[in-house]
Amino acid sequence: MNNKKVGIIGVGNVGSTLAFNLASKNICSEIVLKDVRENIVKAMALDISQSAHAANSLTNVTAAINADEFSDCDVVVITAGVARKPGMSRDDLLLINAKIMTSVINDTIKYNPNAIIIIVSNPLDAMVYTALKASKWPRNKIIGMAGILDSSRMAHFIFEKLAYGQGQIKASVMGGHGDDMVPLPNFSTVNGLALTEVLSNDDIEDIVNKTKNGGAQIVKLLETGSAYYAPAYSTSLMVEAILEDKKEVYPCAIMLEGEYGYDNIVAGVPIMLGKNGVEKVIELNLEDNQKEQFNKSINSVQELVDTLEKNLF
């Protein structure tokens, strides 16, 4: 285990599950939790700390009540924000969560100047944009978690369709985290075989549609919340890649600076993730229809950004 510190802001279902995952993995020396609900954050810190002791983990879990107690983190994960409810689009959350994000970022960068920040709050791409604008930090230090989650959902639906290949499915999704995400069947494999070799076009189209609605399906079934196990575990993979400088390639939401022909807009693309956050951006050779879908996804995020620029910045 390395001598690293992880901070988590927002200990709802995603934040608390993430803390539990990280404590169980024993990959950092300290986890500090922060939330506006003091009793809740204290309870979560106690519960997760006790689970860490049950696992003989060396990770210390604490609650930060004062701002200066949440300091000197190597990685900060922000899950804070209003949760999406049935019938509510990610767009509906925009201005409420952008104001929360701006406040959280201003507090965070003051006491954690060397942190890599992972954003999980929705609407994801717009929140990464908000965090970058509010902080004025370089893009390598503020990254959004979405593509890993969307890819895991696609992998689930591939397995559901095939009924084999568990643990051997590599799915790939890029673009915005929302209805206009761009699943990439030609960059997805089952035991090394291209998805197009093991499934029909109709089956692949069905998988793509299910992937786009994967989050909404869970929201509808839960009725009073949204997914948290898969988002939390997906985030833990990012934290691990940064803390251990793994140079893993994952699809993550970043500010584009000319890649794929776009600039000053956030979208999910494959990146190499290491101790400096975004170490490298991977540019895939997209097919024409995928370029069109990616452009549509970019335009959807741009609409949110335009709203932010008009009302917030």
Protein backbone atom coordinates (compact mmCIF):
# COMPACT_ATOMS: atom_id res chain seq x y z
CA MET A 1 0.00 0.00 0.00
CA ASN A 2 1.30 3.47 -0.82
CA ASN A 3 1.20 6.47 1.52
CA LYS A 4 -1.55 8.28 -0.39
CA LYS A 5 -4.63 10.19 0.72
CA VAL A 6 -8.01 10.14 -1.02
CA GLY A 7 -10.79 12.63 -0.32
CA ILE A 8 -14.44 11.99 -1.18
CA ILE A 9 -16.95 14.84 -1.21
CA GLY A 10 -20.53 13.63 -0.98
CA VAL A 11 -21.18 10.38 0.89
CA GLY A 12 -24.47 9.34 -0.61
CA ASN A 13 -24.72 5.90 -2.18
CA VAL A 14 -21.92 6.42 -4.71
CA GLY A 15 -19.49 8.20 -2.37
CA SER A 16 -19.93 5.78 0.52
CA THR A 17 -19.73 2.71 -1.74
CA LEU A 18 -16.56 4.12 -3.31
CA ALA A 19 -15.02 4.67 0.13
CA PHE A 20 -15.89 1.10 1.10
CA ASN A 21 -14.33 -0.24 -2.13
CA LEU A 22 -11.12 1.76 -1.66
CA ALA A 23 -10.79 0.81 2.01
CA SER A 24 -11.31 -2.85 1.13
CA LYS A 25 -8.70 -2.66 -1.65
CA ASN A 26 -6.14 -1.27 0.80
CA ILE A 27 -4.55 0.96 -1.87
CA CYS A 28 -4.26 4.20 0.11
CA SER A 29 -3.23 5.06 3.65
CA GLU A 30 -6.08 7.47 4.34
CA ILE A 31 -9.60 8.22 3.14
CA VAL A 32 -11.27 11.41 4.33
CA LEU A 33 -15.01 11.93 3.82
CA LYS A 34 -16.87 15.22 3.56
CA ASP A 35 -20.57 16.00 3.32
CA VAL A 36 -22.88 18.82 4.36
CA ARG A 37 -24.73 16.30 6.56
CA GLU A 38 -22.38 16.05 9.56
CA ASN A 39 -24.03 13.12 11.31
CA ILE A 40 -24.20 11.13 8.07
CA VAL A 41 -20.53 11.66 7.22
CA LYS A 42 -19.49 10.72 10.77
CA ALA A 43 -21.64 7.57 10.60
CA MET A 44 -20.22 6.56 7.22
CA ALA A 45 -16.65 7.12 8.38
CA LEU A 46 -17.24 4.94 11.45
CA ASP A 47 -19.00 2.18 9.51
CA ILE A 48 -16.43 2.04 6.70
CA SER A 49 -13.51 2.26 9.12
CA GLN A 50 -14.91 -0.70 11.02
CA SER A 51 -15.28 -2.65 7.77
CA ALA A 52 -11.64 -1.85 6.98
CA HIS A 53 -10.59 -3.29 10.33
CA ALA A 54 -12.65 -6.40 9.62
CA ALA A 55 -10.69 -6.78 6.37
CA ASN A 56 -7.36 -6.10 8.13
CA SER A 57 -6.92 -3.11 5.84
CA LEU A 58 -4.31 -0.50 6.74
CA THR A 59 -6.47 2.33 5.37
CA ASN A 60 -7.60 4.91 7.94
CA VAL A 61 -11.08 6.38 7.30
CA THR A 62 -12.10 9.71 8.87
CA ALA A 63 -14.77 12.40 8.56
CA ALA A 64 -13.86 16.02 7.81
CA ILE A 65 -16.15 18.48 9.56
CA ASN A 66 -14.08 21.64 9.08
CA ALA A 67 -12.73 22.72 5.68
CA ASP A 68 -9.08 22.52 6.75
CA GLU A 69 -9.54 18.87 7.80
CA PHE A 70 -10.12 18.01 4.14
CA SER A 71 -6.61 18.82 2.94
CA ASP A 72 -3.46 17.55 1.20
CA CYS A 73 -5.30 14.85 -0.75
CA ASP A 74 -3.61 13.14 -3.70
CA VAL A 75 -6.98 12.38 -5.31
CA VAL A 76 -10.32 14.06 -4.62
CA VAL A 77 -13.57 12.51 -5.86
CA ILE A 78 -16.62 14.77 -6.07
CA THR A 79 -20.02 13.08 -6.08
CA ALA A 80 -21.88 15.99 -4.47
CA GLY A 81 -25.04 17.26 -6.10
CA VAL A 82 -28.77 16.76 -6.35
CA ALA A 83 -29.67 13.23 -7.45
CA ARG A 84 -31.65 12.58 -10.59
CA LYS A 85 -35.24 11.50 -9.97
CA PRO A 86 -37.63 9.57 -12.26
CA GLY A 87 -38.72 11.75 -15.17
CA MET A 88 -35.87 14.20 -14.55
CA SER A 89 -33.32 14.54 -17.31
CA ARG A 90 -29.66 15.23 -16.61
CA ASP A 91 -30.28 18.64 -18.16
CA ASP A 92 -32.75 19.50 -15.39
CA LEU A 93 -29.96 19.17 -12.87
CA LEU A 94 -27.66 21.54 -14.69
CA LEU A 95 -27.74 24.91 -12.94
CA ILE A 96 -28.45 23.55 -9.45
CA ASN A 97 -25.49 21.21 -9.57
CA ALA A 98 -23.24 23.72 -11.37
CA LYS A 99 -23.63 26.12 -8.44
CA ILE A 100 -22.90 23.32 -5.98
CA MET A 101 -19.87 22.27 -8.05
CA THR A 102 -18.46 25.80 -8.17
CA SER A 103 -18.69 26.11 -4.38
CA VAL A 104 -17.16 22.66 -3.80
CA ILE A 105 -14.30 23.29 -6.25
CA ASN A 106 -13.42 26.64 -4.69
CA ASP A 107 -13.14 24.99 -1.25
CA THR A 108 -11.28 21.96 -2.58
CA ILE A 109 -8.49 23.67 -4.51
CA LYS A 110 -7.70 25.94 -1.56
CA TYR A 111 -6.63 23.04 0.67
CA ASN A 112 -5.72 20.42 -1.96
CA PRO A 113 -3.51 22.22 -4.50
CA ASN A 114 -1.77 19.05 -5.70
CA ALA A 115 -4.80 16.79 -6.07
CA ILE A 116 -6.12 15.09 -9.17
CA ILE A 117 -9.90 15.64 -9.13
CA ILE A 118 -12.41 13.08 -10.39
CA ILE A 119 -15.93 14.35 -11.04
CA VAL A 120 -18.89 11.96 -10.75
CA SER A 121 -21.72 14.50 -10.34
CA ASN A 122 -24.33 14.86 -13.10
CA PRO A 123 -24.78 16.14 -15.72
CA LEU A 124 -21.26 14.79 -15.92
CA ASP A 125 -19.67 16.54 -18.91
CA ALA A 126 -21.07 19.92 -17.91
CA MET A 127 -19.85 19.44 -14.32
CA VAL A 128 -16.31 18.71 -15.53
CA TYR A 129 -16.51 21.88 -17.64
CA THR A 130 -17.78 23.82 -14.60
CA ALA A 131 -14.98 22.50 -12.38
CA LEU A 132 -12.31 23.41 -14.95
CA LYS A 133 -13.67 26.92 -15.44
CA ALA A 134 -14.11 27.55 -11.71
CA SER A 135 -10.65 26.24 -10.79
CA LYS A 136 -8.71 27.48 -13.85
CA TRP A 137 -6.70 24.26 -13.48
CA PRO A 138 -5.14 22.42 -16.45
CA ARG A 139 -7.28 19.72 -18.00
CA ASN A 140 -5.06 16.83 -16.90
CA LYS A 141 -6.03 17.46 -13.26
CA ILE A 142 -9.84 17.37 -13.54
CA ILE A 143 -11.41 14.28 -15.11
CA GLY A 144 -14.95 12.94 -15.34
CA MET A 145 -15.98 9.35 -14.62
CA ALA A 146 -18.46 8.15 -17.22
CA GLY A 147 -16.95 6.10 -20.01
CA ILE A 148 -15.85 3.26 -17.75
CA LEU A 149 -19.38 3.02 -16.37
CA ASP A 150 -21.03 3.21 -19.80
CA SER A 151 -18.59 0.58 -21.12
CA SER A 152 -19.39 -1.75 -18.20
CA ARG A 153 -23.09 -1.36 -18.96
CA MET A 154 -22.45 -2.21 -22.60
CA ALA A 155 -20.43 -5.27 -21.54
CA HIS A 156 -23.35 -6.41 -19.38
CA PHE A 157 -25.79 -6.18 -22.28
CA ILE A 158 -23.35 -7.99 -24.59
CA PHE A 159 -23.17 -10.85 -22.09
CA GLU A 160 -26.95 -10.80 -21.69
CA LYS A 161 -27.30 -11.20 -25.45
CA LEU A 162 -24.62 -13.90 -25.87
CA ALA A 163 -25.08 -15.80 -22.58
CA TYR A 164 -21.31 -16.46 -22.56
CA GLY A 165 -18.04 -14.56 -22.33
CA GLN A 166 -18.24 -13.42 -18.69
CA GLY A 167 -14.94 -11.71 -17.83
CA GLN A 168 -13.81 -11.77 -21.47
CA ILE A 169 -15.86 -8.86 -22.80
CA LYS A 170 -14.15 -5.55 -23.54
CA ALA A 171 -16.70 -2.87 -24.45
CA SER A 172 -15.91 0.67 -25.54
CA VAL A 173 -18.05 3.81 -25.30
CA MET A 174 -17.11 7.44 -25.91
CA GLY A 175 -18.86 10.80 -26.20
CA GLY A 176 -21.02 12.53 -23.62
CA HIS A 177 -22.48 10.74 -20.61
CA GLY A 178 -26.12 10.79 -21.62
CA ASP A 179 -28.54 9.85 -24.35
CA ASP A 180 -26.03 10.81 -27.04
CA MET A 181 -23.16 8.60 -25.87
CA VAL A 182 -21.38 6.73 -28.68
CA PRO A 183 -20.97 2.97 -28.10
CA LEU A 184 -18.21 1.56 -30.35
CA PRO A 185 -18.99 -2.03 -31.43
CA ASN A 186 -15.93 -2.15 -33.72
CA PHE A 187 -13.67 -1.39 -30.72
CA SER A 188 -15.49 -3.93 -28.52
CA THR A 189 -14.45 -7.58 -28.28
CA VAL A 190 -15.43 -10.95 -26.79
CA ASN A 191 -12.36 -13.05 -25.98
CA GLY A 192 -10.47 -11.05 -28.59
CA LEU A 193 -13.10 -11.45 -31.31
CA ALA A 194 -14.70 -8.29 -32.71
CA LEU A 195 -18.31 -7.86 -31.62
CA THR A 196 -19.35 -7.76 -35.28
CA GLU A 197 -18.07 -11.34 -35.65
CA VAL A 198 -20.21 -12.82 -32.88
CA LEU A 199 -23.43 -10.79 -33.11
CA SER A 200 -25.77 -9.63 -35.85
CA ASN A 201 -26.25 -5.95 -36.69
CA ASP A 202 -29.74 -6.07 -35.14
CA ASP A 203 -28.37 -7.54 -31.90
CA ILE A 204 -25.64 -4.91 -31.77
CA GLU A 205 -28.17 -2.12 -32.34
CA ASP A 206 -30.27 -3.49 -29.48
CA ILE A 207 -27.20 -3.54 -27.21
CA VAL A 208 -26.35 0.04 -28.16
CA ASN A 209 -29.88 1.24 -27.33
CA LYS A 210 -29.90 -0.61 -24.00
CA THR A 211 -26.51 0.88 -23.12
CA LYS A 212 -27.77 4.40 -23.73
CA ASN A 213 -30.72 3.74 -21.42
CA GLY A 214 -28.79 1.71 -18.84
CA GLY A 215 -28.81 4.39 -16.15
CA ALA A 216 -32.41 5.45 -16.75
CA GLN A 217 -33.54 1.83 -16.46
CA ILE A 218 -32.08 1.57 -12.96
CA VAL A 219 -33.55 4.96 -11.96
CA LYS A 220 -36.98 3.75 -13.08
CA LEU A 221 -36.72 0.48 -11.15
CA LEU A 222 -35.40 2.06 -7.96
CA GLU A 223 -37.98 4.88 -8.08
CA THR A 224 -36.12 6.83 -5.37
CA GLY A 225 -32.52 6.96 -6.53
CA SER A 226 -30.00 5.97 -9.17
CA ALA A 227 -27.25 3.42 -9.71
CA TYR A 228 -24.30 3.34 -7.33
CA TYR A 229 -22.43 0.01 -7.31
CA ALA A 230 -21.21 0.23 -10.91
CA PRO A 231 -20.46 4.00 -10.74
CA ALA A 232 -18.54 3.55 -7.47
CA TYR A 233 -16.48 0.62 -8.72
CA SER A 234 -15.77 2.39 -12.02
CA THR A 235 -14.50 5.39 -10.05
CA SER A 236 -12.32 3.15 -7.89
CA LEU A 237 -10.54 1.94 -11.03
CA MET A 238 -9.66 5.53 -11.90
CA VAL A 239 -8.43 6.26 -8.38
CA GLU A 240 -6.29 3.12 -8.42
CA ALA A 241 -4.79 3.99 -11.83
CA ILE A 242 -3.78 7.43 -10.54
CA LEU A 243 -2.45 6.35 -7.13
CA GLU A 244 -0.44 3.48 -8.57
CA ASP A 245 0.56 5.29 -11.80
CA LYS A 246 -0.76 2.36 -13.84
CA LYS A 247 -0.94 4.16 -17.22
CA GLU A 248 -4.25 2.38 -17.81
CA VAL A 249 -6.30 3.37 -20.87
CA TYR A 250 -9.88 4.19 -19.90
CA PRO A 251 -12.62 6.28 -21.53
CA CYS A 252 -12.97 9.40 -19.35
CA ALA A 253 -14.53 12.85 -19.73
CA ILE A 254 -11.89 15.52 -20.37
CA MET A 255 -11.61 18.95 -21.93
CA LEU A 256 -10.72 18.50 -25.61
CA GLU A 257 -7.95 20.69 -26.96
CA GLY A 258 -8.04 19.91 -30.65
CA GLU A 259 -8.46 16.12 -30.38
CA TYR A 260 -11.06 14.65 -32.72
CA GLY A 261 -11.37 18.15 -34.21
CA TYR A 262 -12.94 19.81 -31.13
CA ASP A 263 -11.75 22.45 -28.71
CA ASN A 264 -12.95 23.88 -25.38
CA ILE A 265 -15.63 21.24 -24.90
CA VAL A 266 -15.78 18.22 -22.56
CA ALA A 267 -16.42 14.73 -23.89
CA GLY A 268 -15.58 11.15 -23.04
CA VAL A 269 -12.58 9.84 -24.97
CA PRO A 270 -9.97 7.13 -24.31
CA ILE A 271 -7.10 8.46 -22.19
CA MET A 272 -4.03 7.08 -20.47
CA LEU A 273 -4.51 7.54 -16.73
CA GLY A 274 -1.56 7.83 -14.33
CA LYS A 275 -0.11 9.85 -11.46
CA ASN A 276 -0.51 13.13 -13.38
CA GLY A 277 -4.13 12.41 -14.22
CA VAL A 278 -4.54 12.57 -17.98
CA GLU A 279 -1.15 11.39 -19.27
CA LYS A 280 -2.18 11.01 -22.92
CA VAL A 281 -5.27 11.29 -25.11
CA ILE A 282 -5.88 8.35 -27.47
CA GLU A 283 -7.41 9.30 -30.83
CA LEU A 284 -9.31 6.40 -32.36
CA ASN A 285 -9.86 6.10 -36.10
CA LEU A 286 -13.65 6.46 -36.07
CA GLU A 287 -15.97 5.40 -38.87
CA ASP A 288 -18.00 8.12 -40.59
CA ASN A 289 -21.23 7.23 -38.76
CA GLN A 290 -19.37 7.27 -35.43
CA LYS A 291 -17.95 10.70 -36.24
CA GLU A 292 -21.52 11.88 -36.87
CA GLN A 293 -22.72 10.41 -33.56
CA PHE A 294 -19.76 11.94 -31.72
CA ASN A 295 -20.56 15.32 -33.27
CA LYS A 296 -24.16 14.97 -32.09
CA SER A 297 -22.90 14.13 -28.60
CA ILE A 298 -20.59 17.16 -28.63
CA ASN A 299 -23.49 19.40 -29.68
CA SER A 300 -25.60 18.13 -26.78
CA VAL A 301 -22.85 19.01 -24.31
CA GLN A 302 -22.35 22.36 -26.05
CA GLU A 303 -26.00 23.25 -25.38
CA LEU A 304 -25.42 22.71 -21.67
CA VAL A 305 -22.18 24.68 -21.78
CA ASP A 306 -23.95 27.56 -23.54
CA THR A 307 -26.52 27.60 -20.74
CA LEU A 308 -23.74 27.64 -18.15
CA GLU A 309 -21.89 30.46 -19.92
CA LYS A 310 -25.09 32.48 -20.12
CA ASN A 311 -26.21 31.96 -16.51
CA LEU A 312 -23.10 31.23 -14.44
CA PHE A 313 -19.79 32.31 -15.94
